[in-house]
Amino acid sequence: MKKIPMTQEDRDYFKSGVKTLCGIEVIQAKNIINDPELKVVFTSEDLDFMNKELGRQAGAVFARILRAIKKMDFKEAQRVLTGGKNK
């Protein structure tokens, strides 16, 4: 299978999209792009880039969850993890 590298526009789009993901979506996206059957379509540079961006978002999600738990705001922690607009 031929690999088609991501353009800068693709990378920018991916990077901005990742910032909107909740915790579960980050895990799902990471599992999808690292699936042995699917990761053959990505160049190693693109795969590294996507994993780096997903890792950054995972760190941000984790920090928000910890802040919510520290405040004993378990509904907010759940919202950060699972998504949703309601607090």
PDB file of N, CA and C in Angstrom:
ATOM      1  N   MET A   1       0.846  -1.179   0.000  1.00  0.00           N
ATOM      2  CA  MET A   1       0.000   0.000   0.000  1.00  0.00           C
ATOM      3  C   MET A   1       0.892   1.244   0.000  1.00  0.00           C
ATOM      4  N   LYS A   2       0.556   2.175  -0.852  1.00  0.00           N
ATOM      5  CA  LYS A   2       1.340   3.401  -0.963  1.00  0.00           C
ATOM      6  C   LYS A   2       0.998   4.356   0.183  1.00  0.00           C
ATOM      7  N   LYS A   3       2.035   4.905   0.778  1.00  0.00           N
ATOM      8  CA  LYS A   3       1.845   5.868   1.855  1.00  0.00           C
ATOM      9  C   LYS A   3       1.817   7.274   1.266  1.00  0.00           C
ATOM     10  N   ILE A   4       0.844   8.043   1.689  1.00  0.00           N
ATOM     11  CA  ILE A   4       0.736   9.426   1.240  1.00  0.00           C
ATOM     12  C   ILE A   4       1.018  10.316   2.443  1.00  0.00           C
ATOM     13  N   PRO A   5       2.102  11.075   2.402  1.00  0.00           N
ATOM     14  CA  PRO A   5       2.447  11.899   3.566  1.00  0.00           C
ATOM     15  C   PRO A   5       1.445  13.031   3.793  1.00  0.00           C
ATOM     16  N   MET A   6       1.336  13.422   5.043  1.00  0.00           N
ATOM     17  CA  MET A   6       0.450  14.530   5.406  1.00  0.00           C
ATOM     18  C   MET A   6       1.068  15.843   4.929  1.00  0.00           C
ATOM     19  N   THR A   7       0.221  16.728   4.448  1.00  0.00           N
ATOM     20  CA  THR A   7       0.678  18.070   4.094  1.00  0.00           C
ATOM     21  C   THR A   7       0.673  18.921   5.365  1.00  0.00           C
ATOM     22  N   GLN A   8       1.222  20.107   5.279  1.00  0.00           N
ATOM     23  CA  GLN A   8       1.189  21.007   6.437  1.00  0.00           C
ATOM     24  C   GLN A   8      -0.252  21.351   6.800  1.00  0.00           C
ATOM     25  N   GLU A   9      -1.095  21.480   5.799  1.00  0.00           N
ATOM     26  CA  GLU A   9      -2.516  21.749   6.045  1.00  0.00           C
ATOM     27  C   GLU A   9      -3.157  20.582   6.805  1.00  0.00           C
ATOM     28  N   ASP A  10      -2.813  19.349   6.414  1.00  0.00           N
ATOM     29  CA  ASP A  10      -3.317  18.164   7.119  1.00  0.00           C
ATOM     30  C   ASP A  10      -2.874  18.173   8.576  1.00  0.00           C
ATOM     31  N   ARG A  11      -1.612  18.500   8.792  1.00  0.00           N
ATOM     32  CA  ARG A  11      -1.070  18.529  10.156  1.00  0.00           C
ATOM     33  C   ARG A  11      -1.749  19.601  10.998  1.00  0.00           C
ATOM     34  N   ASP A  12      -1.953  20.761  10.421  1.00  0.00           N
ATOM     35  CA  ASP A  12      -2.629  21.840  11.151  1.00  0.00           C
ATOM     36  C   ASP A  12      -4.056  21.443  11.508  1.00  0.00           C
ATOM     37  N   TYR A  13      -4.734  20.810  10.561  1.00  0.00           N
ATOM     38  CA  TYR A  13      -6.113  20.368  10.783  1.00  0.00           C
ATOM     39  C   TYR A  13      -6.160  19.304  11.883  1.00  0.00           C
ATOM     40  N   PHE A  14      -5.241  18.360  11.830  1.00  0.00           N
ATOM     41  CA  PHE A  14      -5.175  17.307  12.847  1.00  0.00           C
ATOM     42  C   PHE A  14      -4.894  17.919  14.218  1.00  0.00           C
ATOM     43  N   LYS A  15      -3.924  18.815  14.260  1.00  0.00           N
ATOM     44  CA  LYS A  15      -3.524  19.436  15.523  1.00  0.00           C
ATOM     45  C   LYS A  15      -4.681  20.212  16.156  1.00  0.00           C
ATOM     46  N   SER A  16      -5.417  20.966  15.358  1.00  0.00           N
ATOM     47  CA  SER A  16      -6.537  21.729  15.913  1.00  0.00           C
ATOM     48  C   SER A  16      -7.686  20.804  16.304  1.00  0.00           C
ATOM     49  N   GLY A  17      -7.882  19.735  15.567  1.00  0.00           N
ATOM     50  CA  GLY A  17      -8.939  18.787  15.899  1.00  0.00           C
ATOM     51  C   GLY A  17      -8.670  18.021  17.176  1.00  0.00           C
ATOM     52  N   VAL A  18      -7.419  17.683  17.407  1.00  0.00           N
ATOM     53  CA  VAL A  18      -7.044  16.929  18.608  1.00  0.00           C
ATOM     54  C   VAL A  18      -7.364  17.729  19.870  1.00  0.00           C
ATOM     55  N   LYS A  19      -7.256  19.036  19.784  1.00  0.00           N
ATOM     56  CA  LYS A  19      -7.494  19.882  20.958  1.00  0.00           C
ATOM     57  C   LYS A  19      -8.934  19.826  21.448  1.00  0.00           C
ATOM     58  N   THR A  20      -9.839  19.322  20.629  1.00  0.00           N
ATOM     59  CA  THR A  20     -11.250  19.260  21.021  1.00  0.00           C
ATOM     60  C   THR A  20     -11.637  17.896  21.594  1.00  0.00           C
ATOM     61  N   LEU A  21     -10.704  16.953  21.628  1.00  0.00           N
ATOM     62  CA  LEU A  21     -11.038  15.597  22.050  1.00  0.00           C
ATOM     63  C   LEU A  21     -11.120  15.468  23.569  1.00  0.00           C
ATOM     64  N   CYS A  22     -12.075  14.668  24.015  1.00  0.00           N
ATOM     65  CA  CYS A  22     -12.143  14.323  25.434  1.00  0.00           C
ATOM     66  C   CYS A  22     -11.207  13.134  25.673  1.00  0.00           C
ATOM     67  N   GLY A  23     -11.104  12.708  26.906  1.00  0.00           N
ATOM     68  CA  GLY A  23     -10.179  11.634  27.257  1.00  0.00           C
ATOM     69  C   GLY A  23     -10.416  10.336  26.503  1.00  0.00           C
ATOM     70  N   ILE A  24     -11.659   9.925  26.428  1.00  0.00           N
ATOM     71  CA  ILE A  24     -11.974   8.667  25.745  1.00  0.00           C
ATOM     72  C   ILE A  24     -11.661   8.768  24.257  1.00  0.00           C
ATOM     73  N   GLU A  25     -11.943   9.910  23.662  1.00  0.00           N
ATOM     74  CA  GLU A  25     -11.659  10.091  22.235  1.00  0.00           C
ATOM     75  C   GLU A  25     -10.157  10.070  21.952  1.00  0.00           C
ATOM     76  N   VAL A  26      -9.363  10.604  22.871  1.00  0.00           N
ATOM     77  CA  VAL A  26      -7.902  10.560  22.706  1.00  0.00           C
ATOM     78  C   VAL A  26      -7.433   9.106  22.672  1.00  0.00           C
ATOM     79  N   ILE A  27      -7.945   8.313  23.597  1.00  0.00           N
ATOM     80  CA  ILE A  27      -7.564   6.896  23.656  1.00  0.00           C
ATOM     81  C   ILE A  27      -8.001   6.176  22.385  1.00  0.00           C
ATOM     82  N   GLN A  28      -9.220   6.440  21.943  1.00  0.00           N
ATOM     83  CA  GLN A  28      -9.713   5.792  20.723  1.00  0.00           C
ATOM     84  C   GLN A  28      -8.874   6.185  19.511  1.00  0.00           C
ATOM     85  N   ALA A  29      -8.567   7.464  19.380  1.00  0.00           N
ATOM     86  CA  ALA A  29      -7.772   7.925  18.235  1.00  0.00           C
ATOM     87  C   ALA A  29      -6.383   7.290  18.258  1.00  0.00           C
ATOM     88  N   LYS A  30      -5.777   7.233  19.430  1.00  0.00           N
ATOM     89  CA  LYS A  30      -4.447   6.634  19.552  1.00  0.00           C
ATOM     90  C   LYS A  30      -4.494   5.151  19.178  1.00  0.00           C
ATOM     91  N   ASN A  31      -5.532   4.459  19.618  1.00  0.00           N
ATOM     92  CA  ASN A  31      -5.677   3.040  19.271  1.00  0.00           C
ATOM     93  C   ASN A  31      -5.873   2.850  17.769  1.00  0.00           C
ATOM     94  N   ILE A  32      -6.627   3.729  17.151  1.00  0.00           N
ATOM     95  CA  ILE A  32      -6.890   3.600  15.716  1.00  0.00           C
ATOM     96  C   ILE A  32      -5.620   3.818  14.906  1.00  0.00           C
ATOM     97  N   ILE A  33      -4.908   4.910  15.172  1.00  0.00           N
ATOM     98  CA  ILE A  33      -3.733   5.185  14.334  1.00  0.00           C
ATOM     99  C   ILE A  33      -2.585   4.221  14.600  1.00  0.00           C
ATOM    100  N   ASN A  34      -2.602   3.554  15.752  1.00  0.00           N
ATOM    101  CA  ASN A  34      -1.540   2.597  16.063  1.00  0.00           C
ATOM    102  C   ASN A  34      -1.938   1.148  15.816  1.00  0.00           C
ATOM    103  N   ASP A  35      -3.119   0.941  15.257  1.00  0.00           N
ATOM    104  CA  ASP A  35      -3.546  -0.409  14.902  1.00  0.00           C
ATOM    105  C   ASP A  35      -2.597  -0.938  13.828  1.00  0.00           C
ATOM    106  N   PRO A  36      -2.054  -2.134  14.016  1.00  0.00           N
ATOM    107  CA  PRO A  36      -1.074  -2.663  13.053  1.00  0.00           C
ATOM    108  C   PRO A  36      -1.563  -2.682  11.604  1.00  0.00           C
ATOM    109  N   GLU A  37      -2.845  -2.945  11.405  1.00  0.00           N
ATOM    110  CA  GLU A  37      -3.368  -2.994  10.041  1.00  0.00           C
ATOM    111  C   GLU A  37      -3.568  -1.606   9.449  1.00  0.00           C
ATOM    112  N   LEU A  38      -3.799  -0.613  10.297  1.00  0.00           N
ATOM    113  CA  LEU A  38      -4.068   0.734   9.799  1.00  0.00           C
ATOM    114  C   LEU A  38      -2.833   1.618   9.752  1.00  0.00           C
ATOM    115  N   LYS A  39      -1.879   1.368  10.627  1.00  0.00           N
ATOM    116  CA  LYS A  39      -0.736   2.273  10.669  1.00  0.00           C
ATOM    117  C   LYS A  39       0.189   2.132   9.466  1.00  0.00           C
ATOM    118  N   VAL A  40      -0.042   1.139   8.642  1.00  0.00           N
ATOM    119  CA  VAL A  40       0.774   0.985   7.436  1.00  0.00           C
ATOM    120  C   VAL A  40       0.506   2.090   6.417  1.00  0.00           C
ATOM    121  N   VAL A  41      -0.603   2.818   6.569  1.00  0.00           N
ATOM    122  CA  VAL A  41      -0.909   3.886   5.612  1.00  0.00           C
ATOM    123  C   VAL A  41      -0.209   5.196   5.971  1.00  0.00           C
ATOM    124  N   PHE A  42       0.356   5.278   7.180  1.00  0.00           N
ATOM    125  CA  PHE A  42       1.005   6.509   7.627  1.00  0.00           C
ATOM    126  C   PHE A  42       2.519   6.399   7.493  1.00  0.00           C
ATOM    127  N   THR A  43       3.154   7.504   7.149  1.00  0.00           N
ATOM    128  CA  THR A  43       4.614   7.521   7.183  1.00  0.00           C
ATOM    129  C   THR A  43       5.038   7.547   8.650  1.00  0.00           C
ATOM    130  N   SER A  44       6.255   7.148   8.923  1.00  0.00           N
ATOM    131  CA  SER A  44       6.715   7.129  10.316  1.00  0.00           C
ATOM    132  C   SER A  44       6.738   8.541  10.901  1.00  0.00           C
ATOM    133  N   GLU A  45       7.059   9.537  10.077  1.00  0.00           N
ATOM    134  CA  GLU A  45       7.067  10.919  10.558  1.00  0.00           C
ATOM    135  C   GLU A  45       5.654  11.375  10.924  1.00  0.00           C
ATOM    136  N   ASP A  46       4.681  11.019  10.087  1.00  0.00           N
ATOM    137  CA  ASP A  46       3.299  11.401  10.364  1.00  0.00           C
ATOM    138  C   ASP A  46       2.767  10.672  11.593  1.00  0.00           C
ATOM    139  N   LEU A  47       3.118   9.412  11.730  1.00  0.00           N
ATOM    140  CA  LEU A  47       2.689   8.643  12.892  1.00  0.00           C
ATOM    141  C   LEU A  47       3.282   9.235  14.171  1.00  0.00           C
ATOM    142  N   ASP A  48       4.555   9.596  14.119  1.00  0.00           N
ATOM    143  CA  ASP A  48       5.194  10.244  15.275  1.00  0.00           C
ATOM    144  C   ASP A  48       4.498  11.563  15.608  1.00  0.00           C
ATOM    145  N   PHE A  49       4.195  12.349  14.586  1.00  0.00           N
ATOM    146  CA  PHE A  49       3.515  13.628  14.787  1.00  0.00           C
ATOM    147  C   PHE A  49       2.151  13.419  15.441  1.00  0.00           C
ATOM    148  N   MET A  50       1.370  12.492  14.903  1.00  0.00           N
ATOM    149  CA  MET A  50       0.025  12.259  15.447  1.00  0.00           C
ATOM    150  C   MET A  50       0.090  11.748  16.881  1.00  0.00           C
ATOM    151  N   ASN A  51       1.018  10.843  17.163  1.00  0.00           N
ATOM    152  CA  ASN A  51       1.159  10.338  18.527  1.00  0.00           C
ATOM    153  C   ASN A  51       1.601  11.441  19.483  1.00  0.00           C
ATOM    154  N   LYS A  52       2.471  12.328  19.014  1.00  0.00           N
ATOM    155  CA  LYS A  52       2.926  13.445  19.852  1.00  0.00           C
ATOM    156  C   LYS A  52       1.761  14.368  20.188  1.00  0.00           C
ATOM    157  N   GLU A  53       0.959  14.703  19.197  1.00  0.00           N
ATOM    158  CA  GLU A  53      -0.180  15.597  19.435  1.00  0.00           C
ATOM    159  C   GLU A  53      -1.224  14.941  20.338  1.00  0.00           C
ATOM    160  N   LEU A  54      -1.470  13.660  20.131  1.00  0.00           N
ATOM    161  CA  LEU A  54      -2.415  12.952  20.996  1.00  0.00           C
ATOM    162  C   LEU A  54      -1.871  12.855  22.419  1.00  0.00           C
ATOM    163  N   GLY A  55      -0.570  12.688  22.550  1.00  0.00           N
ATOM    164  CA  GLY A  55       0.052  12.655  23.877  1.00  0.00           C
ATOM    165  C   GLY A  55      -0.081  13.985  24.597  1.00  0.00           C
ATOM    166  N   ARG A  56       0.082  15.065  23.864  1.00  0.00           N
ATOM    167  CA  ARG A  56      -0.100  16.393  24.467  1.00  0.00           C
ATOM    168  C   ARG A  56      -1.525  16.571  24.975  1.00  0.00           C
ATOM    169  N   GLN A  57      -2.482  16.162  24.157  1.00  0.00           N
ATOM    170  CA  GLN A  57      -3.880  16.298  24.566  1.00  0.00           C
ATOM    171  C   GLN A  57      -4.184  15.387  25.745  1.00  0.00           C
ATOM    172  N   ALA A  58      -3.610  14.205  25.756  1.00  0.00           N
ATOM    173  CA  ALA A  58      -3.814  13.300  26.892  1.00  0.00           C
ATOM    174  C   ALA A  58      -3.299  13.946  28.174  1.00  0.00           C
ATOM    175  N   GLY A  59      -2.158  14.615  28.092  1.00  0.00           N
ATOM    176  CA  GLY A  59      -1.617  15.314  29.258  1.00  0.00           C
ATOM    177  C   GLY A  59      -2.528  16.438  29.715  1.00  0.00           C
ATOM    178  N   ALA A  60      -3.083  17.177  28.762  1.00  0.00           N
ATOM    179  CA  ALA A  60      -3.991  18.273  29.099  1.00  0.00           C
ATOM    180  C   ALA A  60      -5.274  17.742  29.737  1.00  0.00           C
ATOM    181  N   VAL A  61      -5.795  16.655  29.197  1.00  0.00           N
ATOM    182  CA  VAL A  61      -7.007  16.042  29.755  1.00  0.00           C
ATOM    183  C   VAL A  61      -6.725  15.558  31.174  1.00  0.00           C
ATOM    184  N   PHE A  62      -5.598  14.900  31.360  1.00  0.00           N
ATOM    185  CA  PHE A  62      -5.236  14.390  32.682  1.00  0.00           C
ATOM    186  C   PHE A  62      -5.120  15.531  33.693  1.00  0.00           C
ATOM    187  N   ALA A  63      -4.510  16.632  33.287  1.00  0.00           N
ATOM    188  CA  ALA A  63      -4.370  17.785  34.182  1.00  0.00           C
ATOM    189  C   ALA A  63      -5.739  18.346  34.566  1.00  0.00           C
ATOM    190  N   ARG A  64      -6.654  18.428  33.595  1.00  0.00           N
ATOM    191  CA  ARG A  64      -8.003  18.934  33.900  1.00  0.00           C
ATOM    192  C   ARG A  64      -8.750  17.982  34.829  1.00  0.00           C
ATOM    193  N   ILE A  65      -8.560  16.687  34.631  1.00  0.00           N
ATOM    194  CA  ILE A  65      -9.205  15.711  35.516  1.00  0.00           C
ATOM    195  C   ILE A  65      -8.663  15.851  36.935  1.00  0.00           C
ATOM    196  N   LEU A  66      -7.353  15.977  37.064  1.00  0.00           N
ATOM    197  CA  LEU A  66      -6.757  16.126  38.396  1.00  0.00           C
ATOM    198  C   LEU A  66      -7.230  17.398  39.090  1.00  0.00           C
ATOM    199  N   ARG A  67      -7.324  18.502  38.342  1.00  0.00           N
ATOM    200  CA  ARG A  67      -7.820  19.753  38.935  1.00  0.00           C
ATOM    201  C   ARG A  67      -9.253  19.589  39.424  1.00  0.00           C
ATOM    202  N   ALA A  68     -10.070  18.913  38.636  1.00  0.00           N
ATOM    203  CA  ALA A  68     -11.469  18.707  39.023  1.00  0.00           C
ATOM    204  C   ALA A  68     -11.564  17.820  40.264  1.00  0.00           C
ATOM    205  N   ILE A  69     -10.774  16.769  40.303  1.00  0.00           N
ATOM    206  CA  ILE A  69     -10.809  15.869  41.463  1.00  0.00           C
ATOM    207  C   ILE A  69     -10.303  16.590  42.709  1.00  0.00           C
ATOM    208  N   LYS A  70      -9.285  17.404  42.540  1.00  0.00           N
ATOM    209  CA  LYS A  70      -8.745  18.164  43.676  1.00  0.00           C
ATOM    210  C   LYS A  70      -9.815  19.075  44.272  1.00  0.00           C
ATOM    211  N   LYS A  71     -10.700  19.587  43.420  1.00  0.00           N
ATOM    212  CA  LYS A  71     -11.797  20.448  43.875  1.00  0.00           C
ATOM    213  C   LYS A  71     -13.020  19.627  44.286  1.00  0.00           C
ATOM    214  N   MET A  72     -12.880  18.301  44.241  1.00  0.00           N
ATOM    215  CA  MET A  72     -13.982  17.381  44.556  1.00  0.00           C
ATOM    216  C   MET A  72     -15.156  17.562  43.589  1.00  0.00           C
ATOM    217  N   ASP A  73     -14.857  17.971  42.375  1.00  0.00           N
ATOM    218  CA  ASP A  73     -15.879  18.169  41.346  1.00  0.00           C
ATOM    219  C   ASP A  73     -15.857  16.958  40.407  1.00  0.00           C
ATOM    220  N   PHE A  74     -16.499  15.900  40.860  1.00  0.00           N
ATOM    221  CA  PHE A  74     -16.439  14.641  40.128  1.00  0.00           C
ATOM    222  C   PHE A  74     -17.256  14.672  38.837  1.00  0.00           C
ATOM    223  N   LYS A  75     -18.287  15.505  38.804  1.00  0.00           N
ATOM    224  CA  LYS A  75     -19.048  15.649  37.558  1.00  0.00           C
ATOM    225  C   LYS A  75     -18.171  16.268  36.473  1.00  0.00           C
ATOM    226  N   GLU A  76     -17.378  17.260  36.856  1.00  0.00           N
ATOM    227  CA  GLU A  76     -16.471  17.894  35.892  1.00  0.00           C
ATOM    228  C   GLU A  76     -15.403  16.900  35.443  1.00  0.00           C
ATOM    229  N   ALA A  77     -14.878  16.123  36.361  1.00  0.00           N
ATOM    230  CA  ALA A  77     -13.872  15.119  36.002  1.00  0.00           C
ATOM    231  C   ALA A  77     -14.457  14.125  34.999  1.00  0.00           C
ATOM    232  N   GLN A  78     -15.682  13.710  35.235  1.00  0.00           N
ATOM    233  CA  GLN A  78     -16.336  12.781  34.312  1.00  0.00           C
ATOM    234  C   GLN A  78     -16.583  13.445  32.963  1.00  0.00           C
ATOM    235  N   ARG A  79     -16.975  14.716  32.968  1.00  0.00           N
ATOM    236  CA  ARG A  79     -17.222  15.435  31.723  1.00  0.00           C
ATOM    237  C   ARG A  79     -15.944  15.545  30.899  1.00  0.00           C
ATOM    238  N   VAL A  80     -14.828  15.837  31.565  1.00  0.00           N
ATOM    239  CA  VAL A  80     -13.547  15.950  30.862  1.00  0.00           C
ATOM    240  C   VAL A  80     -13.155  14.605  30.254  1.00  0.00           C
ATOM    241  N   LEU A  81     -13.415  13.552  30.984  1.00  0.00           N
ATOM    242  CA  LEU A  81     -13.050  12.222  30.508  1.00  0.00           C
ATOM    243  C   LEU A  81     -13.953  11.733  29.383  1.00  0.00           C
ATOM    244  N   THR A  82     -15.244  11.970  29.521  1.00  0.00           N
ATOM    245  CA  THR A  82     -16.193  11.385  28.568  1.00  0.00           C
ATOM    246  C   THR A  82     -16.751  12.375  27.556  1.00  0.00           C
ATOM    247  N   GLY A  83     -16.467  13.647  27.726  1.00  0.00           N
ATOM    248  CA  GLY A  83     -17.000  14.653  26.812  1.00  0.00           C
ATOM    249  C   GLY A  83     -18.339  15.156  27.301  1.00  0.00           C
ATOM    250  N   GLY A  84     -18.920  16.032  26.559  1.00  0.00           N
ATOM    251  CA  GLY A  84     -20.213  16.591  26.937  1.00  0.00           C
ATOM    252  C   GLY A  84     -20.073  18.041  27.336  1.00  0.00           C
ATOM    253  N   LYS A  85     -21.160  18.746  27.248  1.00  0.00           N
ATOM    254  CA  LYS A  85     -21.154  20.180  27.522  1.00  0.00           C
ATOM    255  C   LYS A  85     -21.669  20.509  28.916  1.00  0.00           C
ATOM    256  N   ASN A  86     -22.504  19.666  29.469  1.00  0.00           N
ATOM    257  CA  ASN A  86     -23.137  19.973  30.754  1.00  0.00           C
ATOM    258  C   ASN A  86     -22.199  19.709  31.913  1.00  0.00           C
ATOM    259  N   LYS A  87     -22.249  20.604  32.874  1.00  0.00           N
ATOM    260  CA  LYS A  87     -21.431  20.433  34.080  1.00  0.00           C
ATOM    261  C   LYS A  87     -22.255  19.855  35.187  1.00  0.00           C
TER     262      LYS A  87
END
